[in-house]
Amino acid sequence: MADFLSALSQIFTLSTLIYMLAGSVAGIVAAAIPGFTVTMAIVLTLPLTFSMEPLQGIAVMLSVYVGGYTGGLISAALLGIPGTPSSVATTFDAFPMARNGEPGRALSLGVWASFFGTIISTIVLIVAAPPLAIFAVKLGPWEYFSLIVFALTIVASLVGDSVIRGLLAGLIGLALSTVGTDPIMGRPRFDFGIEMLQSGLPFLVVLIGIFAISQLVSEVEDVKSVRSGNSLVTGAIDFQTWKVMREVLMSPVNLLRSSMIGVLIGALPGAGGSIANLLAYDQAKRASKTPDEFGKGIPDGIVASESGNSATAGGGLIPMIGLGIPGSAVDAILMASLMVHGISVGPRLVMDHGDLVYGMFIAMAVASLMMLLVSVLSMRLFLRVAEVPKWLIVPAVMTCCVVGSFALNNRVTDLYLLGFIGVAGYMLRALKYSLAPLVLGVILGPIAETNLRRALMTDDDPTLFLSRPISLIFLIAAVLSIAWAVRGHLKSRKTKKNTDATAP
């Protein structure tokens, strides 16, 4: 109790609360810009916290962290461009809902889902950090590879109207992930002697090119709409935030399931919000009574994706606090911040610095409230983006995409790659290919390859993937996931045929 009261007194000071509020704003704005990730925002914040007290500095960084997971929603809903990798699935329903004349509702659903997802993950963090941390650290490369195989089965539910085209897009994504330097041996491969391919295809460049550039070029195609000043989305900005909150709470199963997926994925070192975002969306679609409505602007899709990615914030702190193992790149930066202040992060952190740990719990809850406050108060300002005509918004967003791609590695060659990938994405979109499986393949491909090779280098017995219980569970889940998806596609095709047959 003494540690808790000490942490409470340190967090609830005027200077700390002001710094946290500024951190929330910075995280939301940075993540809303395509190409500027949560990790980049945290890195830029780190030097500013060196002069602060340890708990004050970590509270500010957590505010940027929580705000960043929500900020990606803004560009995803209003522009159809994921602001961060963890908001890819949010575009599937948030942008169609905005285009259907409800941009305010789309943003409100995402903000409230993010808030509740963060709160749920904080509660789990407080209650179950030690046992979940022990579980996470027991996973070896066999379990991680099987988990990624299970995650890759999401492709089956994201293929769109054509299963073959969707699977081909996923294979293209996996192929793109192998270009560049071998992650284990460090040898070049598939670069064809082209210098700009030697360091591989940066994931953010692929994400921005596939989603942003192809989307913007598609918008420019409609010359009449551009000249007349039509905006990307239509509809009034009138909406009732509290009514939307009740709408989110009316789907408690979806909210809890998606949040728990985010917590579990976040607790696995190296997994992250991009996997949780897609996996939560996939499970919501499978459990829905109307799966065909997903991708057309259904609220459940937005709630699942946003609560799933935001819950990874609390989940990622579980192995860091319990075992001193960062759950993600952001958690590694948080660890570095504590080490700068001479605090050793590990299993004894709770015992030696109880006030700091309790302070992190309190800071997570306060940061989520500040994120909600900033988002709700500034939502009408964000919605003004929906009223900006295409001839202004397209070049502005294109400039942000180019700057974000260059800032990633400060390489001009990344801009050439951005152009080539953007053209390829536009062509795939024109040919009616689903782009989500391609991005999924690029995200998960390197993780799957690295863990597969680590497992075989540790022990070349392939039966270990089946003899290790957790690995076997993930593989069985992958098989069931594929079977469920195939069943759903066959049922959907049968329903469509019956509808066509009965049509006059």
Protein backbone atom coordinates (compact mmCIF):
# COMPACT_ATOMS: atom_id res chain seq x y z
CA MET A 1 0.00 0.00 0.00
CA ALA A 2 2.90 2.32 0.78
CA ASP A 3 4.34 1.74 -2.73
CA PHE A 4 0.93 2.32 -4.31
CA LEU A 5 0.38 5.60 -2.44
CA SER A 6 3.92 6.74 -3.30
CA ALA A 7 3.30 6.03 -7.00
CA LEU A 8 -0.07 7.79 -6.85
CA SER A 9 1.49 10.91 -5.37
CA GLN A 10 4.18 10.97 -8.07
CA ILE A 11 1.77 10.54 -10.99
CA PHE A 12 -0.84 13.03 -9.81
CA THR A 13 1.38 16.10 -9.83
CA LEU A 14 0.62 19.02 -12.12
CA SER A 15 3.89 18.78 -14.08
CA THR A 16 3.58 15.02 -14.67
CA LEU A 17 -0.04 15.29 -15.83
CA ILE A 18 0.84 18.14 -18.22
CA TYR A 19 3.75 16.16 -19.66
CA MET A 20 1.52 13.09 -20.04
CA LEU A 21 -1.14 15.13 -21.82
CA ALA A 22 1.48 16.45 -24.23
CA GLY A 23 2.71 12.89 -24.75
CA SER A 24 -0.81 11.71 -25.63
CA VAL A 25 -1.20 14.47 -28.21
CA ALA A 26 2.23 13.71 -29.68
CA GLY A 27 1.49 9.98 -29.92
CA ILE A 28 -1.87 10.50 -31.62
CA VAL A 29 -0.54 13.03 -34.14
CA ALA A 30 2.62 11.03 -34.94
CA ALA A 31 0.71 7.79 -35.53
CA ALA A 32 -1.89 9.55 -37.70
CA ILE A 33 0.83 10.43 -40.23
CA PRO A 34 1.48 7.46 -42.57
CA GLY A 35 5.01 6.20 -42.04
CA PHE A 36 5.58 7.71 -38.59
CA THR A 37 5.24 4.69 -36.30
CA VAL A 38 4.70 4.47 -32.54
CA THR A 39 8.31 3.31 -32.20
CA MET A 40 9.59 6.44 -33.96
CA ALA A 41 7.51 8.65 -31.66
CA ILE A 42 8.88 6.87 -28.58
CA VAL A 43 12.46 7.18 -29.84
CA LEU A 44 12.01 10.93 -30.32
CA THR A 45 10.52 11.21 -26.82
CA LEU A 46 13.28 9.26 -25.05
CA PRO A 47 15.94 12.05 -24.91
CA LEU A 48 13.36 14.46 -23.47
CA THR A 49 12.83 12.20 -20.43
CA PHE A 50 16.47 11.97 -19.34
CA SER A 51 16.15 15.02 -17.07
CA MET A 52 12.90 13.78 -15.50
CA GLU A 53 12.40 11.51 -12.51
CA PRO A 54 12.25 7.80 -13.53
CA LEU A 55 8.51 7.40 -12.98
CA GLN A 56 7.68 10.73 -14.58
CA GLY A 57 9.74 9.87 -17.68
CA ILE A 58 8.21 6.39 -18.05
CA ALA A 59 4.70 7.86 -17.58
CA VAL A 60 5.27 10.31 -20.43
CA MET A 61 6.54 7.55 -22.72
CA LEU A 62 3.55 5.35 -21.85
CA SER A 63 1.27 8.25 -22.82
CA VAL A 64 2.95 8.44 -26.23
CA TYR A 65 2.68 4.63 -26.46
CA VAL A 66 -1.07 4.49 -25.73
CA GLY A 67 -1.84 7.54 -27.90
CA GLY A 68 0.14 6.08 -30.78
CA TYR A 69 -1.93 2.91 -30.91
CA THR A 70 -5.05 5.06 -31.33
CA GLY A 71 -3.62 7.64 -33.73
CA GLY A 72 -3.30 5.20 -36.61
CA LEU A 73 -7.10 4.99 -36.61
CA ILE A 74 -7.47 8.55 -37.89
CA SER A 75 -5.84 8.11 -41.30
CA ALA A 76 -7.20 4.54 -41.53
CA ALA A 77 -10.79 5.76 -41.18
CA LEU A 78 -10.63 9.05 -43.07
CA LEU A 79 -8.12 8.24 -45.82
CA GLY A 80 -8.16 4.44 -46.08
CA ILE A 81 -4.45 4.48 -45.25
CA PRO A 82 -3.23 2.75 -42.04
CA GLY A 83 -1.24 5.29 -40.03
CA THR A 84 0.73 2.49 -38.37
CA PRO A 85 1.21 -1.25 -39.10
CA SER A 86 -1.07 -2.02 -36.14
CA SER A 87 -4.05 -0.31 -37.81
CA VAL A 88 -4.07 -2.29 -41.07
CA ALA A 89 -7.27 -4.22 -40.25
CA THR A 90 -8.95 -1.01 -39.07
CA THR A 91 -9.09 0.24 -42.66
CA PHE A 92 -11.23 -2.74 -43.71
CA ASP A 93 -14.40 -1.39 -42.06
CA ALA A 94 -13.58 2.10 -40.77
CA PHE A 95 -12.95 3.58 -44.23
CA PRO A 96 -16.09 2.04 -45.83
CA MET A 97 -18.16 3.35 -42.91
CA ALA A 98 -16.67 6.83 -43.38
CA ARG A 99 -17.37 6.70 -47.11
CA ASN A 100 -20.94 5.71 -46.38
CA GLY A 101 -21.43 9.07 -44.66
CA GLU A 102 -20.52 8.17 -41.04
CA PRO A 103 -16.90 9.29 -40.48
CA GLY A 104 -17.70 10.50 -36.95
CA ARG A 105 -19.16 7.16 -35.98
CA ALA A 106 -16.16 5.30 -37.43
CA LEU A 107 -13.69 7.40 -35.44
CA SER A 108 -15.76 7.21 -32.24
CA LEU A 109 -16.06 3.43 -32.45
CA GLY A 110 -12.29 3.12 -32.85
CA VAL A 111 -11.49 5.54 -30.02
CA TRP A 112 -13.83 3.88 -27.51
CA ALA A 113 -12.63 0.41 -28.53
CA SER A 114 -9.03 1.53 -28.05
CA PHE A 115 -9.86 2.97 -24.62
CA PHE A 116 -11.62 -0.16 -23.37
CA GLY A 117 -8.92 -2.40 -24.89
CA THR A 118 -6.20 -0.49 -23.02
CA ILE A 119 -8.15 -0.58 -19.74
CA ILE A 120 -8.78 -4.33 -20.04
CA SER A 121 -5.11 -4.99 -20.81
CA THR A 122 -4.07 -2.87 -17.80
CA ILE A 123 -6.34 -4.91 -15.51
CA VAL A 124 -4.86 -8.15 -16.86
CA LEU A 125 -1.37 -6.67 -16.48
CA ILE A 126 -1.99 -5.95 -12.79
CA VAL A 127 -3.63 -9.29 -12.01
CA ALA A 128 -1.77 -11.78 -14.19
CA ALA A 129 1.65 -10.34 -15.06
CA PRO A 130 3.80 -12.98 -13.27
CA PRO A 131 2.08 -16.17 -14.60
CA LEU A 132 1.67 -14.79 -18.13
CA ALA A 133 5.31 -13.70 -18.18
CA ILE A 134 6.44 -17.19 -17.15
CA PHE A 135 4.27 -18.70 -19.91
CA ALA A 136 5.62 -16.32 -22.54
CA VAL A 137 9.27 -17.01 -21.73
CA LYS A 138 8.79 -20.78 -22.06
CA LEU A 139 7.92 -20.46 -25.75
CA GLY A 140 10.75 -21.50 -28.06
CA PRO A 141 11.21 -21.04 -31.82
CA TRP A 142 9.02 -24.10 -32.46
CA GLU A 143 6.05 -22.47 -30.70
CA TYR A 144 6.67 -19.11 -32.37
CA PHE A 145 6.78 -20.66 -35.82
CA SER A 146 3.55 -22.56 -35.18
CA LEU A 147 1.94 -19.37 -33.88
CA ILE A 148 2.91 -17.53 -37.08
CA VAL A 149 1.55 -20.42 -39.18
CA PHE A 150 -1.73 -20.02 -37.30
CA ALA A 151 -1.62 -16.26 -37.88
CA LEU A 152 -0.98 -16.80 -41.60
CA THR A 153 -4.24 -18.72 -41.86
CA ILE A 154 -5.92 -15.31 -41.47
CA VAL A 155 -5.20 -14.97 -45.20
CA ALA A 156 -8.02 -17.42 -45.83
CA SER A 157 -10.56 -14.99 -44.38
CA LEU A 158 -9.11 -11.87 -46.04
CA VAL A 159 -9.04 -13.12 -49.62
CA GLY A 160 -12.08 -11.11 -50.72
CA ASP A 161 -14.29 -12.40 -53.51
CA SER A 162 -11.66 -14.65 -55.10
CA VAL A 163 -9.87 -17.28 -53.00
CA ILE A 164 -7.22 -17.88 -55.66
CA ARG A 165 -6.39 -14.18 -56.04
CA GLY A 166 -6.26 -13.73 -52.28
CA LEU A 167 -3.89 -16.67 -51.81
CA LEU A 168 -1.71 -15.44 -54.67
CA ALA A 169 -1.49 -12.03 -53.00
CA GLY A 170 -0.43 -13.73 -49.75
CA LEU A 171 2.26 -15.70 -51.60
CA ILE A 172 3.52 -12.49 -53.23
CA GLY A 173 3.82 -10.95 -49.77
CA LEU A 174 5.79 -13.94 -48.48
CA ALA A 175 8.07 -13.76 -51.54
CA LEU A 176 8.72 -10.05 -51.01
CA SER A 177 9.72 -10.75 -47.39
CA THR A 178 12.63 -12.94 -48.58
CA VAL A 179 14.29 -10.17 -50.63
CA GLY A 180 17.49 -8.75 -49.12
CA THR A 181 19.88 -9.99 -46.47
CA ASP A 182 19.40 -13.42 -44.93
CA PRO A 183 18.21 -12.76 -41.32
CA ILE A 184 20.27 -15.65 -39.88
CA MET A 185 23.45 -15.93 -41.97
CA GLY A 186 23.61 -12.34 -43.22
CA ARG A 187 24.03 -13.34 -46.87
CA PRO A 188 22.43 -11.39 -49.74
CA ARG A 189 19.63 -13.12 -51.68
CA PHE A 190 17.13 -12.33 -54.41
CA ASP A 191 18.56 -8.84 -54.93
CA PHE A 192 19.43 -9.60 -58.61
CA GLY A 193 22.46 -7.36 -58.33
CA ILE A 194 20.27 -4.29 -57.75
CA GLU A 195 21.82 -2.12 -55.04
CA MET A 196 18.58 -0.78 -53.57
CA LEU A 197 17.31 -4.35 -52.99
CA GLN A 198 20.38 -5.47 -51.05
CA SER A 199 19.01 -4.27 -47.71
CA GLY A 200 15.57 -5.75 -48.40
CA LEU A 201 12.14 -4.18 -48.71
CA PRO A 202 11.39 -2.19 -45.54
CA PHE A 203 7.98 -3.17 -44.27
CA LEU A 204 6.78 0.41 -43.82
CA VAL A 205 7.71 1.27 -47.39
CA VAL A 206 5.71 -1.74 -48.61
CA LEU A 207 2.77 -0.80 -46.36
CA ILE A 208 2.70 2.84 -47.51
CA GLY A 209 3.18 1.90 -51.16
CA ILE A 210 0.53 -0.82 -51.21
CA PHE A 211 -2.14 1.03 -49.26
CA ALA A 212 -1.42 4.75 -49.50
CA ILE A 213 0.00 5.28 -52.98
CA SER A 214 -2.41 2.89 -54.69
CA GLN A 215 -5.36 4.44 -52.81
CA LEU A 216 -4.35 7.99 -53.73
CA VAL A 217 -3.78 7.12 -57.39
CA SER A 218 -7.20 5.47 -57.48
CA GLU A 219 -8.75 8.66 -56.08
CA VAL A 220 -7.03 10.80 -58.73
CA GLU A 221 -8.50 8.57 -61.47
CA ASP A 222 -11.86 10.23 -60.98
CA VAL A 223 -10.88 13.50 -62.71
CA LYS A 224 -14.35 15.04 -62.43
CA SER A 225 -14.45 14.41 -58.69
CA VAL A 226 -11.03 15.98 -58.21
CA ARG A 227 -11.90 19.09 -60.24
CA SER A 228 -15.23 19.56 -58.48
CA GLY A 229 -13.51 19.47 -55.10
CA ASN A 230 -15.24 16.34 -53.75
CA SER A 231 -13.65 14.96 -50.59
CA LEU A 232 -12.47 11.41 -49.94
CA VAL A 233 -15.42 10.72 -47.65
CA THR A 234 -18.85 12.28 -47.45
CA GLY A 235 -21.33 12.97 -44.71
CA ALA A 236 -21.94 15.44 -41.94
CA ILE A 237 -19.73 15.54 -38.86
CA ASP A 238 -22.68 15.26 -36.49
CA PHE A 239 -22.39 12.27 -34.16
CA GLN A 240 -23.05 11.40 -30.52
CA THR A 241 -19.92 10.13 -28.78
CA TRP A 242 -21.72 8.71 -25.74
CA LYS A 243 -24.21 6.88 -27.95
CA VAL A 244 -21.30 5.25 -29.77
CA MET A 245 -19.81 4.23 -26.40
CA ARG A 246 -22.98 2.30 -25.61
CA GLU A 247 -22.77 0.69 -29.06
CA VAL A 248 -19.27 -0.60 -28.25
CA LEU A 249 -20.36 -1.92 -24.85
CA MET A 250 -23.34 -3.68 -26.45
CA SER A 251 -20.84 -6.14 -27.97
CA PRO A 252 -19.05 -7.28 -24.78
CA VAL A 253 -18.00 -10.69 -26.15
CA ASN A 254 -16.31 -9.18 -29.19
CA LEU A 255 -14.63 -6.49 -27.05
CA LEU A 256 -13.35 -8.91 -24.41
CA ARG A 257 -12.24 -11.55 -26.93
CA SER A 258 -10.35 -9.03 -29.05
CA SER A 259 -8.74 -7.40 -26.01
CA MET A 260 -7.59 -10.74 -24.63
CA ILE A 261 -6.12 -11.63 -28.03
CA GLY A 262 -4.22 -8.34 -27.88
CA VAL A 263 -2.97 -9.06 -24.35
CA LEU A 264 -1.77 -12.57 -25.24
CA ILE A 265 -0.11 -11.48 -28.49
CA GLY A 266 1.47 -8.50 -26.72
CA ALA A 267 2.89 -10.79 -24.03
CA LEU A 268 4.73 -12.81 -26.69
CA PRO A 269 8.09 -11.09 -27.29
CA GLY A 270 8.37 -9.87 -30.86
CA ALA A 271 4.72 -10.40 -31.89
CA GLY A 272 3.24 -6.90 -31.61
CA GLY A 273 0.10 -4.95 -32.46
CA SER A 274 0.14 -5.66 -36.20
CA ILE A 275 -0.51 -9.37 -35.58
CA ALA A 276 -3.05 -8.70 -32.80
CA ASN A 277 -4.91 -6.24 -35.03
CA LEU A 278 -5.38 -8.78 -37.81
CA LEU A 279 -5.95 -11.79 -35.57
CA ALA A 280 -8.64 -10.04 -33.51
CA TYR A 281 -10.39 -8.92 -36.70
CA ASP A 282 -10.22 -12.45 -38.12
CA GLN A 283 -11.70 -14.04 -34.98
CA ALA A 284 -14.49 -11.44 -34.85
CA LYS A 285 -15.38 -12.23 -38.46
CA ARG A 286 -15.42 -15.97 -37.82
CA ALA A 287 -17.62 -15.61 -34.75
CA SER A 288 -20.04 -13.19 -36.39
CA LYS A 289 -23.51 -14.22 -37.52
CA THR A 290 -23.07 -11.93 -40.54
CA PRO A 291 -19.46 -12.47 -41.74
CA ASP A 292 -20.35 -11.23 -45.23
CA GLU A 293 -20.89 -7.73 -43.80
CA PHE A 294 -17.25 -7.44 -42.75
CA GLY A 295 -15.34 -5.15 -45.07
CA LYS A 296 -18.45 -3.07 -45.80
CA GLY A 297 -18.41 -0.87 -42.70
CA ILE A 298 -19.61 -3.10 -39.85
CA PRO A 299 -18.99 -1.77 -36.28
CA ASP A 300 -17.77 -5.15 -34.97
CA GLY A 301 -14.80 -5.03 -37.35
CA ILE A 302 -13.65 -1.64 -36.04
CA VAL A 303 -14.16 -2.62 -32.40
CA ALA A 304 -12.22 -5.88 -32.84
CA SER A 305 -9.25 -4.41 -34.66
CA GLU A 306 -8.81 -1.34 -32.43
CA SER A 307 -9.35 -3.08 -29.08
CA GLY A 308 -6.99 -5.85 -30.21
CA ASN A 309 -4.09 -3.58 -31.15
CA SER A 310 -4.49 -1.24 -28.14
CA ALA A 311 -4.53 -4.15 -25.69
CA THR A 312 -1.02 -5.11 -26.78
CA ALA A 313 0.25 -2.02 -24.92
CA GLY A 314 -0.55 -3.61 -21.56
CA GLY A 315 0.32 -7.10 -22.77
CA GLY A 316 3.78 -6.03 -23.90
CA LEU A 317 4.62 -4.79 -20.39
CA ILE A 318 3.95 -8.24 -18.89
CA PRO A 319 7.26 -9.93 -19.87
CA MET A 320 9.14 -6.65 -19.35
CA ILE A 321 7.98 -6.19 -15.75
CA GLY A 322 7.91 -9.88 -14.86
CA LEU A 323 11.12 -11.08 -16.50
CA GLY A 324 13.00 -8.13 -17.97
CA ILE A 325 12.26 -9.29 -21.53
CA PRO A 326 10.88 -6.63 -23.91
CA GLY A 327 7.67 -7.64 -25.65
CA SER A 328 8.28 -5.24 -28.54
CA ALA A 329 10.68 -2.58 -29.81
CA VAL A 330 8.77 0.04 -27.81
CA ASP A 331 9.14 -2.01 -24.62
CA ALA A 332 12.88 -2.27 -25.30
CA ILE A 333 13.06 1.55 -25.44
CA LEU A 334 11.12 1.74 -22.16
CA MET A 335 13.67 -0.62 -20.62
CA ALA A 336 16.50 1.56 -21.91
CA SER A 337 14.85 4.58 -20.31
CA LEU A 338 14.83 2.85 -16.91
CA MET A 339 18.42 1.70 -17.31
CA VAL A 340 19.52 5.28 -18.00
CA HIS A 341 18.26 6.09 -14.51
CA GLY A 342 20.19 3.17 -13.02
CA ILE A 343 17.17 0.87 -12.58
CA SER A 344 17.81 -2.77 -13.42
CA VAL A 345 14.85 -4.36 -15.19
CA GLY A 346 14.27 -8.01 -14.35
CA PRO A 347 12.43 -10.42 -12.06
CA ARG A 348 13.37 -8.35 -8.97
CA LEU A 349 11.89 -5.13 -10.37
CA VAL A 350 8.62 -5.60 -8.46
CA MET A 351 10.46 -6.28 -5.19
CA ASP A 352 13.13 -3.58 -5.46
CA HIS A 353 11.08 -0.82 -7.11
CA GLY A 354 7.47 -1.51 -6.17
CA ASP A 355 6.49 2.15 -6.39
CA LEU A 356 7.78 2.32 -9.98
CA VAL A 357 5.79 -0.77 -11.04
CA TYR A 358 2.60 0.50 -9.41
CA GLY A 359 3.27 3.86 -11.03
CA MET A 360 3.41 2.18 -14.46
CA PHE A 361 0.03 0.55 -13.77
CA ILE A 362 -1.48 3.90 -12.75
CA ALA A 363 0.18 5.69 -15.70
CA MET A 364 -1.36 3.21 -18.15
CA ALA A 365 -4.86 3.93 -16.81
CA VAL A 366 -4.29 7.70 -16.75
CA ALA A 367 -2.76 7.64 -20.26
CA SER A 368 -5.81 5.81 -21.62
CA LEU A 369 -8.11 8.43 -20.06
CA MET A 370 -6.01 11.23 -21.56
CA MET A 371 -6.04 9.54 -24.95
CA LEU A 372 -9.83 9.37 -24.75
CA LEU A 373 -10.08 13.00 -23.66
CA VAL A 374 -7.79 14.29 -26.42
CA SER A 375 -9.46 12.16 -29.09
CA VAL A 376 -13.02 13.13 -28.17
CA LEU A 377 -12.26 16.85 -27.84
CA SER A 378 -10.31 17.01 -31.09
CA MET A 379 -12.48 14.62 -33.11
CA ARG A 380 -14.38 17.37 -34.91
CA LEU A 381 -11.03 18.86 -35.89
CA PHE A 382 -9.92 15.49 -37.28
CA LEU A 383 -13.20 15.17 -39.15
CA ARG A 384 -12.48 18.39 -41.01
CA VAL A 385 -10.03 16.26 -43.00
CA ALA A 386 -13.09 14.57 -44.49
CA GLU A 387 -14.22 17.90 -45.90
CA VAL A 388 -10.91 18.81 -47.55
CA PRO A 389 -11.22 18.48 -51.35
CA LYS A 390 -9.23 15.81 -53.14
CA TRP A 391 -7.08 18.28 -55.03
CA LEU A 392 -5.68 19.44 -51.68
CA ILE A 393 -5.65 16.27 -49.57
CA VAL A 394 -4.07 13.95 -52.16
CA PRO A 395 -0.79 15.91 -52.63
CA ALA A 396 -0.60 16.65 -48.88
CA VAL A 397 -0.94 12.99 -47.93
CA MET A 398 1.42 11.97 -50.73
CA THR A 399 4.03 14.33 -49.30
CA CYS A 400 3.61 12.83 -45.81
CA CYS A 401 4.02 9.34 -47.28
CA VAL A 402 7.24 10.31 -49.05
CA VAL A 403 8.66 12.03 -45.96
CA GLY A 404 7.69 9.10 -43.73
CA SER A 405 9.31 6.57 -46.07
CA PHE A 406 12.53 8.59 -46.28
CA ALA A 407 12.68 9.22 -42.52
CA LEU A 408 12.62 5.47 -41.84
CA ASN A 409 16.23 4.85 -42.99
CA ASN A 410 17.25 8.19 -44.57
CA ARG A 411 17.75 6.44 -47.93
CA VAL A 412 16.75 7.92 -51.27
CA THR A 413 16.51 4.39 -52.68
CA ASP A 414 13.51 3.79 -50.40
CA LEU A 415 11.66 6.47 -52.37
CA TYR A 416 12.29 4.59 -55.61
CA LEU A 417 11.00 1.42 -53.96
CA LEU A 418 7.96 3.35 -52.73
CA GLY A 419 7.15 4.38 -56.30
CA PHE A 420 7.58 0.87 -57.74
CA ILE A 421 5.55 -0.76 -54.95
CA GLY A 422 2.86 1.90 -55.26
CA VAL A 423 2.47 1.21 -58.98
CA ALA A 424 2.38 -2.55 -58.30
CA GLY A 425 -0.25 -2.03 -55.59
CA TYR A 426 -2.37 0.06 -57.94
CA MET A 427 -2.18 -2.65 -60.63
CA LEU A 428 -3.16 -5.35 -58.13
CA ARG A 429 -6.07 -3.21 -56.94
CA ALA A 430 -7.19 -2.67 -60.55
CA LEU A 431 -7.06 -6.45 -61.11
CA LYS A 432 -9.36 -6.95 -58.07
CA TYR A 433 -6.66 -8.53 -55.88
CA SER A 434 -7.07 -8.20 -52.11
CA LEU A 435 -4.11 -6.23 -50.72
CA ALA A 436 -4.51 -7.32 -47.08
CA PRO A 437 -3.08 -10.86 -47.62
CA LEU A 438 -0.03 -9.36 -49.34
CA VAL A 439 0.69 -7.07 -46.38
CA LEU A 440 0.09 -9.96 -43.97
CA GLY A 441 2.68 -12.05 -45.83
CA VAL A 442 5.24 -9.24 -45.65
CA ILE A 443 4.64 -8.79 -41.90
CA LEU A 444 4.73 -12.44 -40.88
CA GLY A 445 7.15 -13.86 -43.44
CA PRO A 446 10.42 -12.79 -41.76
CA ILE A 447 9.19 -13.84 -38.30
CA ALA A 448 8.16 -17.27 -39.58
CA GLU A 449 11.43 -17.83 -41.45
CA THR A 450 13.62 -16.72 -38.55
CA ASN A 451 11.91 -18.98 -36.02
CA LEU A 452 11.78 -21.95 -38.39
CA ARG A 453 15.50 -21.75 -39.02
CA ARG A 454 16.31 -21.20 -35.36
CA ALA A 455 14.29 -24.27 -34.46
CA LEU A 456 16.02 -26.45 -37.06
CA MET A 457 19.45 -25.09 -36.10
CA THR A 458 18.76 -25.94 -32.45
CA ASP A 459 17.51 -29.44 -33.29
CA ASP A 460 16.96 -30.69 -36.83
CA ASP A 461 14.19 -33.07 -35.74
CA PRO A 462 11.03 -31.73 -37.48
CA THR A 463 8.75 -33.84 -35.25
CA LEU A 464 9.41 -31.41 -32.40
CA PHE A 465 6.84 -29.10 -33.97
CA LEU A 466 4.26 -31.80 -33.23
CA SER A 467 5.66 -33.27 -30.01
CA ARG A 468 5.85 -29.96 -28.13
CA PRO A 469 2.31 -29.41 -26.72
CA ILE A 470 1.96 -25.65 -27.26
CA SER A 471 3.34 -25.89 -30.80
CA LEU A 472 0.91 -28.71 -31.57
CA ILE A 473 -2.02 -26.68 -30.23
CA PHE A 474 -1.14 -23.78 -32.55
CA LEU A 475 -0.84 -26.11 -35.56
CA ILE A 476 -4.18 -27.78 -34.80
CA ALA A 477 -5.72 -24.32 -34.49
CA ALA A 478 -4.22 -23.45 -37.90
CA VAL A 479 -5.82 -26.51 -39.52
CA LEU A 480 -9.19 -25.76 -37.92
CA SER A 481 -8.88 -22.12 -38.98
CA ILE A 482 -8.34 -23.09 -42.62
CA ALA A 483 -11.22 -25.60 -42.51
CA TRP A 484 -13.51 -22.96 -41.01
CA ALA A 485 -12.55 -20.42 -43.66
CA VAL A 486 -13.07 -22.89 -46.52
CA ARG A 487 -16.46 -23.85 -45.08
CA GLY A 488 -17.41 -20.18 -44.89
CA HIS A 489 -16.39 -19.51 -48.51
CA LEU A 490 -18.30 -22.56 -49.78
CA LYS A 491 -21.37 -21.52 -47.81
CA SER A 492 -21.12 -17.95 -49.12
CA ARG A 493 -20.77 -19.19 -52.72
CA LYS A 494 -23.77 -21.51 -52.30
CA THR A 495 -25.88 -18.66 -50.88
CA LYS A 496 -24.89 -16.40 -53.77
CA LYS A 497 -25.83 -19.05 -56.33
CA ASN A 498 -29.22 -19.58 -54.69
CA THR A 499 -29.83 -15.84 -54.64
CA ASP A 500 -28.92 -15.52 -58.32
CA ALA A 501 -31.15 -18.47 -59.19
CA THR A 502 -34.19 -16.99 -57.42
CA ALA A 503 -33.62 -13.48 -58.75
CA PRO A 504 -36.20 -12.36 -61.39
